Structures are given as structure tokens and as C-alpha cells.
């Protein structure tokens, strides 16, 4: 029932609890969602092995405050769909997103805006701050850096501005 509000019994629905647990996990914090009325719920939740509720383990790689903002607080202004080669390079080698890997651009954004990054099937796997406008990204989609007009940034999203989920 994620997305359904708890009404007057709680301070938010399951969707908000899951979102908070995800942010905490990327912040390096183990999180437990459990029924508060259960006897000894806190003792059981903080034990070496949580015996109540649902546990979200802390990610080994803790995001900085800036990257947490990009990932969870900044509003996405569009989506850049990338080919399989670009997805592999981004997820396994930690490189910047170049125009050559861009398959499609959705939305209208300016340089410095936040965008989702997805596979061609629409699976969002990353988020980042773009270095180019949507118009420039569309015009450069699939092109090598040497084919871009002068003055256009070669990186669509720099690796320092990129979060892989």
C-alpha cells in the first residue's frame, strides 16, 4: 500500500517512509521501519540483527550532502536516455556522460539543471546536473566530441555531478 496516507494515525504513508529510508541508506545509516506499538521495538530494532520490521542496510559508499541533494531533493527537469555502452561506462567505470552515448533527450532544461538518466527502455539508473541545454544535448546526441560545434561542452553530465543508483 505504498503511497497511501496513514490518515490521523501517523505522519505519512508507506511511500514517505520508504523514501526516507532510501535517503538514510545513501547517507550511511541503517534504517528499520517497524510497528511502534510492539513491545521492545526499539531494543529489537537496534540489536546486531534487527528482529522486527524491514531493515534497510547502509550503503558502503556514503553520498556527500551535495550528491544527496542532486539525488533526492533537486527537481528533475528532464531525462537523458543513453545507449547500453554509455550505461555500462557510467555504472562500471565512473566516467562522465558524453554526447556519443546519448540516444534521446526528453524535456526542456538549461545547463546546471538536474536530469534523470535512463536506459533506452526508460529504466532510470542515475541522476545528474547537466552541463548543456536540452537543445544542445539533442543536437549532439550520438555525436563524437570532435563532431560538436565550438563552444559546446563535450560532457553532458560530468562524473562529479552524477549519482548512480
C-alpha atoms as a PDB file:
ATOM      1  CA  UNK A   1       0.000   0.000   0.000  1.00  0.00           C
ATOM      2  CA  UNK A   2       2.909   2.373  -0.587  1.00  0.00           C
ATOM      3  CA  UNK A   3       1.548   5.797  -1.408  1.00  0.00           C
ATOM      4  CA  UNK A   4      -1.493   5.541   0.870  1.00  0.00           C
ATOM      5  CA  UNK A   5      -1.575   8.031   3.743  1.00  0.00           C
ATOM      6  CA  UNK A   6      -1.888   6.775   7.284  1.00  0.00           C
ATOM      7  CA  UNK A   7      -4.534   9.410   7.993  1.00  0.00           C
ATOM      8  CA  UNK A   8      -4.777  10.637  11.587  1.00  0.00           C
ATOM      9  CA  UNK A   9      -2.772   7.686  12.948  1.00  0.00           C
ATOM     10  CA  UNK A  10       0.598   8.575  11.502  1.00  0.00           C
ATOM     11  CA  UNK A  11       2.701  11.276   9.963  1.00  0.00           C
ATOM     12  CA  UNK A  12       2.837   9.849   6.468  1.00  0.00           C
ATOM     13  CA  UNK A  13       2.150   6.876   4.293  1.00  0.00           C
ATOM     14  CA  UNK A  14       4.434   3.988   3.488  1.00  0.00           C
ATOM     15  CA  UNK A  15       5.779   5.771   0.394  1.00  0.00           C
ATOM     16  CA  UNK A  16       7.206   8.579   2.543  1.00  0.00           C
ATOM     17  CA  UNK A  17       8.736   6.056   4.948  1.00  0.00           C
ATOM     18  CA  UNK A  18      10.393   4.172   2.079  1.00  0.00           C
ATOM     19  CA  UNK A  19      11.708   7.430   0.594  1.00  0.00           C
ATOM     20  CA  UNK A  20      13.182   8.450   3.956  1.00  0.00           C
ATOM     21  CA  UNK A  21      14.783   5.010   4.395  1.00  0.00           C
ATOM     22  CA  UNK A  22      16.361   5.281   0.939  1.00  0.00           C
ATOM     23  CA  UNK A  23      17.881   8.679   1.758  1.00  0.00           C
ATOM     24  CA  UNK A  24      19.140   7.396   5.115  1.00  0.00           C
ATOM     25  CA  UNK A  25      20.684   4.355   3.442  1.00  0.00           C
ATOM     26  CA  UNK A  26      22.611   6.532   0.967  1.00  0.00           C
ATOM     27  CA  UNK A  27      23.670   8.661   3.962  1.00  0.00           C
ATOM     28  CA  UNK A  28      25.344   5.622   5.517  1.00  0.00           C
ATOM     29  CA  UNK A  29      22.626   4.901   8.084  1.00  0.00           C
ATOM     30  CA  UNK A  30      20.962   1.522   8.678  1.00  0.00           C
ATOM     31  CA  UNK A  31      17.208   2.069   8.958  1.00  0.00           C
ATOM     32  CA  UNK A  32      14.385  -0.059  10.335  1.00  0.00           C
ATOM     33  CA  UNK A  33      10.703   0.505   9.594  1.00  0.00           C
ATOM     34  CA  UNK A  34       8.660  -1.252  12.270  1.00  0.00           C
ATOM     35  CA  UNK A  35       5.373  -1.080  14.125  1.00  0.00           C
ATOM     36  CA  UNK A  36       5.887   1.318  17.036  1.00  0.00           C
ATOM     37  CA  UNK A  37       3.284  -0.269  19.306  1.00  0.00           C
ATOM     38  CA  UNK A  38       5.210  -3.541  19.534  1.00  0.00           C
ATOM     39  CA  UNK A  39       6.811  -4.218  22.931  1.00  0.00           C
ATOM     40  CA  UNK A  40      10.597  -3.640  22.928  1.00  0.00           C
ATOM     41  CA  UNK A  41      10.511  -2.487  19.299  1.00  0.00           C
ATOM     42  CA  UNK A  42      13.490  -0.131  19.766  1.00  0.00           C
ATOM     43  CA  UNK A  43      15.635  -2.725  21.527  1.00  0.00           C
ATOM     44  CA  UNK A  44      14.874  -5.273  18.814  1.00  0.00           C
ATOM     45  CA  UNK A  45      15.465  -2.742  16.022  1.00  0.00           C
ATOM     46  CA  UNK A  46      18.890  -1.569  17.206  1.00  0.00           C
ATOM     47  CA  UNK A  47      20.232  -5.023  18.026  1.00  0.00           C
ATOM     48  CA  UNK A  48      23.028  -6.553  15.969  1.00  0.00           C
ATOM     49  CA  UNK A  49      20.424  -8.244  13.784  1.00  0.00           C
ATOM     50  CA  UNK A  50      17.147  -6.376  13.658  1.00  0.00           C
ATOM     51  CA  UNK A  51      14.369  -8.808  14.514  1.00  0.00           C
ATOM     52  CA  UNK A  52      11.465  -6.521  13.666  1.00  0.00           C
ATOM     53  CA  UNK A  53      10.080  -4.730  10.654  1.00  0.00           C
ATOM     54  CA  UNK A  54      12.000  -4.144   7.466  1.00  0.00           C
ATOM     55  CA  UNK A  55      15.699  -3.293   7.594  1.00  0.00           C
ATOM     56  CA  UNK A  56      17.449  -1.114   5.018  1.00  0.00           C
ATOM     57  CA  UNK A  57      21.205  -1.555   5.216  1.00  0.00           C
ATOM     58  CA  UNK A  58      23.536   1.406   4.936  1.00  0.00           C
ATOM     59  CA  UNK A  59      25.299   1.759   1.592  1.00  0.00           C
ATOM     60  CA  UNK A  60      29.048   1.223   1.720  1.00  0.00           C
ATOM     61  CA  UNK A  61      29.505   4.361  -0.365  1.00  0.00           C
ATOM     62  CA  UNK A  62      28.106   7.311   1.566  1.00  0.00           C
ATOM     63  CA  UNK A  63      26.980  10.249  -0.580  1.00  0.00           C
ATOM     64  CA  UNK A  64      28.083  13.792   0.211  1.00  0.00           C
ATOM     65  CA  UNK A  65      25.428  16.355   1.127  1.00  0.00           C
ATOM     66  CA  UNK A  66      25.708  17.833  -2.373  1.00  0.00           C
ATOM     67  CA  UNK A  67      25.162  14.470  -4.054  1.00  0.00           C
ATOM     68  CA  UNK A  68      22.266  13.680  -1.699  1.00  0.00           C
ATOM     69  CA  UNK A  69      20.688  16.953  -2.836  1.00  0.00           C
ATOM     70  CA  UNK A  70      21.153  16.043  -6.512  1.00  0.00           C
ATOM     71  CA  UNK A  71      19.782  12.544  -5.968  1.00  0.00           C
ATOM     72  CA  UNK A  72      16.788  13.260  -3.763  1.00  0.00           C
ATOM     73  CA  UNK A  73      15.961  16.956  -3.356  1.00  0.00           C
ATOM     74  CA  UNK A  74      16.571  18.642  -6.698  1.00  0.00           C
ATOM     75  CA  UNK A  75      13.635  18.556  -9.100  1.00  0.00           C
ATOM     76  CA  UNK A  76      14.384  16.767 -12.368  1.00  0.00           C
ATOM     77  CA  UNK A  77      13.792  18.962 -15.422  1.00  0.00           C
ATOM     78  CA  UNK A  78      14.118  16.186 -17.986  1.00  0.00           C
ATOM     79  CA  UNK A  79      15.531  12.815 -18.886  1.00  0.00           C
ATOM     80  CA  UNK A  80      18.528  11.790 -20.970  1.00  0.00           C
ATOM     81  CA  UNK A  81      18.228   8.288 -22.399  1.00  0.00           C
ATOM     82  CA  UNK A  82      21.551   6.585 -23.066  1.00  0.00           C
ATOM     83  CA  UNK A  83      22.622   3.579 -25.098  1.00  0.00           C
ATOM     84  CA  UNK A  84      23.844   0.356 -23.484  1.00  0.00           C
ATOM     85  CA  UNK A  85      27.510   1.247 -23.980  1.00  0.00           C
ATOM     86  CA  UNK A  86      27.109   4.548 -22.156  1.00  0.00           C
ATOM     87  CA  UNK A  87      25.171   2.878 -19.341  1.00  0.00           C
ATOM     88  CA  UNK A  88      27.933   0.300 -18.907  1.00  0.00           C
ATOM     89  CA  UNK A  89      30.630   3.005 -18.904  1.00  0.00           C
ATOM     90  CA  UNK A  90      28.740   5.142 -16.384  1.00  0.00           C
ATOM     91  CA  UNK A  91      27.911   2.321 -13.976  1.00  0.00           C
ATOM     92  CA  UNK A  92      31.142   0.327 -14.090  1.00  0.00           C
ATOM     93  CA  UNK A  93      33.874   2.851 -14.885  1.00  0.00           C
ATOM     94  CA  UNK A  94      32.607   6.048 -13.235  1.00  0.00           C
ATOM     95  CA  UNK A  95      33.089   8.236 -16.294  1.00  0.00           C
ATOM     96  CA  UNK A  96      31.292  11.378 -17.455  1.00  0.00           C
ATOM     97  CA  UNK A  97      28.351  11.143 -19.855  1.00  0.00           C
ATOM     98  CA  UNK A  98      29.412  12.242 -23.331  1.00  0.00           C
ATOM     99  CA  UNK A  99      27.173  13.152 -26.283  1.00  0.00           C
ATOM    100  CA  UNK A 100      28.147   9.955 -28.115  1.00  0.00           C
ATOM    101  CA  UNK A 101      26.209   7.865 -25.586  1.00  0.00           C
ATOM    102  CA  UNK A 102      23.017   9.936 -25.718  1.00  0.00           C
ATOM    103  CA  UNK A 103      20.161   8.218 -27.558  1.00  0.00           C
ATOM    104  CA  UNK A 104      17.280  10.595 -26.779  1.00  0.00           C
ATOM    105  CA  UNK A 105      16.574  13.752 -24.793  1.00  0.00           C
ATOM    106  CA  UNK A 106      13.236  14.417 -23.083  1.00  0.00           C
ATOM    107  CA  UNK A 107      12.159  17.671 -21.502  1.00  0.00           C
ATOM    108  CA  UNK A 108      13.392  21.238 -21.635  1.00  0.00           C
ATOM    109  CA  UNK A 109      16.340  22.064 -19.398  1.00  0.00           C
ATOM    110  CA  UNK A 110      19.191  24.511 -19.085  1.00  0.00           C
ATOM    111  CA  UNK A 111      22.824  23.900 -18.181  1.00  0.00           C
ATOM    112  CA  UNK A 112      23.043  23.331 -14.425  1.00  0.00           C
ATOM    113  CA  UNK A 113      19.596  21.719 -14.155  1.00  0.00           C
ATOM    114  CA  UNK A 114      19.041  18.252 -12.727  1.00  0.00           C
ATOM    115  CA  UNK A 115      18.031  15.427 -15.084  1.00  0.00           C
ATOM    116  CA  UNK A 116      17.299  11.748 -14.746  1.00  0.00           C
ATOM    117  CA  UNK A 117      19.475   9.390 -16.772  1.00  0.00           C
ATOM    118  CA  UNK A 118      17.819   6.265 -18.115  1.00  0.00           C
ATOM    119  CA  UNK A 119      18.380   3.336 -20.434  1.00  0.00           C
ATOM    120  CA  UNK A 120      16.584   3.387 -23.787  1.00  0.00           C
ATOM    121  CA  UNK A 121      13.852   1.261 -22.176  1.00  0.00           C
ATOM    122  CA  UNK A 122      13.200   4.083 -19.686  1.00  0.00           C
ATOM    123  CA  UNK A 123      14.815   2.490 -16.605  1.00  0.00           C
ATOM    124  CA  UNK A 124      16.192   5.415 -14.559  1.00  0.00           C
ATOM    125  CA  UNK A 125      19.557   4.384 -13.095  1.00  0.00           C
ATOM    126  CA  UNK A 126      21.233   7.736 -12.424  1.00  0.00           C
ATOM    127  CA  UNK A 127      20.702  11.436 -11.894  1.00  0.00           C
ATOM    128  CA  UNK A 128      22.937  14.404 -12.532  1.00  0.00           C
ATOM    129  CA  UNK A 129      23.472  18.075 -13.255  1.00  0.00           C
ATOM    130  CA  UNK A 130      23.719  18.738 -16.979  1.00  0.00           C
ATOM    131  CA  UNK A 131      26.491  20.838 -18.496  1.00  0.00           C
ATOM    132  CA  UNK A 132      24.480  21.644 -21.639  1.00  0.00           C
ATOM    133  CA  UNK A 133      20.968  22.758 -22.575  1.00  0.00           C
ATOM    134  CA  UNK A 134      18.331  20.332 -23.854  1.00  0.00           C
ATOM    135  CA  UNK A 135      18.718  21.872 -27.320  1.00  0.00           C
ATOM    136  CA  UNK A 136      22.489  21.256 -27.278  1.00  0.00           C
ATOM    137  CA  UNK A 137      22.021  17.718 -25.929  1.00  0.00           C
ATOM    138  CA  UNK A 138      19.547  16.877 -28.718  1.00  0.00           C
ATOM    139  CA  UNK A 139      21.802  18.371 -31.395  1.00  0.00           C
ATOM    140  CA  UNK A 140      24.824  16.473 -30.073  1.00  0.00           C
ATOM    141  CA  UNK A 141      23.086  13.148 -29.392  1.00  0.00           C
ATOM    142  CA  UNK A 142      25.155  10.262 -30.734  1.00  0.00           C
ATOM    143  CA  UNK A 143      27.998  12.504 -31.919  1.00  0.00           C
ATOM    144  CA  UNK A 144      31.664  12.194 -31.041  1.00  0.00           C
ATOM    145  CA  UNK A 145      33.284  15.145 -29.283  1.00  0.00           C
ATOM    146  CA  UNK A 146      35.188  16.166 -32.439  1.00  0.00           C
ATOM    147  CA  UNK A 147      31.860  16.495 -34.289  1.00  0.00           C
ATOM    148  CA  UNK A 148      30.399  19.023 -31.833  1.00  0.00           C
ATOM    149  CA  UNK A 149      30.294  22.739 -32.677  1.00  0.00           C
ATOM    150  CA  UNK A 150      32.813  25.026 -30.987  1.00  0.00           C
ATOM    151  CA  UNK A 151      31.693  26.200 -27.570  1.00  0.00           C
ATOM    152  CA  UNK A 152      29.533  23.160 -26.751  1.00  0.00           C
ATOM    153  CA  UNK A 153      30.649  21.323 -23.625  1.00  0.00           C
ATOM    154  CA  UNK A 154      31.843  17.811 -24.510  1.00  0.00           C
ATOM    155  CA  UNK A 155      30.357  16.375 -21.327  1.00  0.00           C
ATOM    156  CA  UNK A 156      26.586  16.203 -20.999  1.00  0.00           C
ATOM    157  CA  UNK A 157      26.989  15.341 -17.292  1.00  0.00           C
ATOM    158  CA  UNK A 158      30.383  15.464 -15.560  1.00  0.00           C
ATOM    159  CA  UNK A 159      31.124  12.476 -13.336  1.00  0.00           C
ATOM    160  CA  UNK A 160      31.430  14.759 -10.279  1.00  0.00           C
ATOM    161  CA  UNK A 161      27.798  15.803 -10.849  1.00  0.00           C
ATOM    162  CA  UNK A 162      26.494  12.253 -11.379  1.00  0.00           C
ATOM    163  CA  UNK A 163      24.856   9.803  -8.973  1.00  0.00           C
ATOM    164  CA  UNK A 164      24.374   6.155  -9.957  1.00  0.00           C
ATOM    165  CA  UNK A 165      21.524   4.458  -8.061  1.00  0.00           C
END
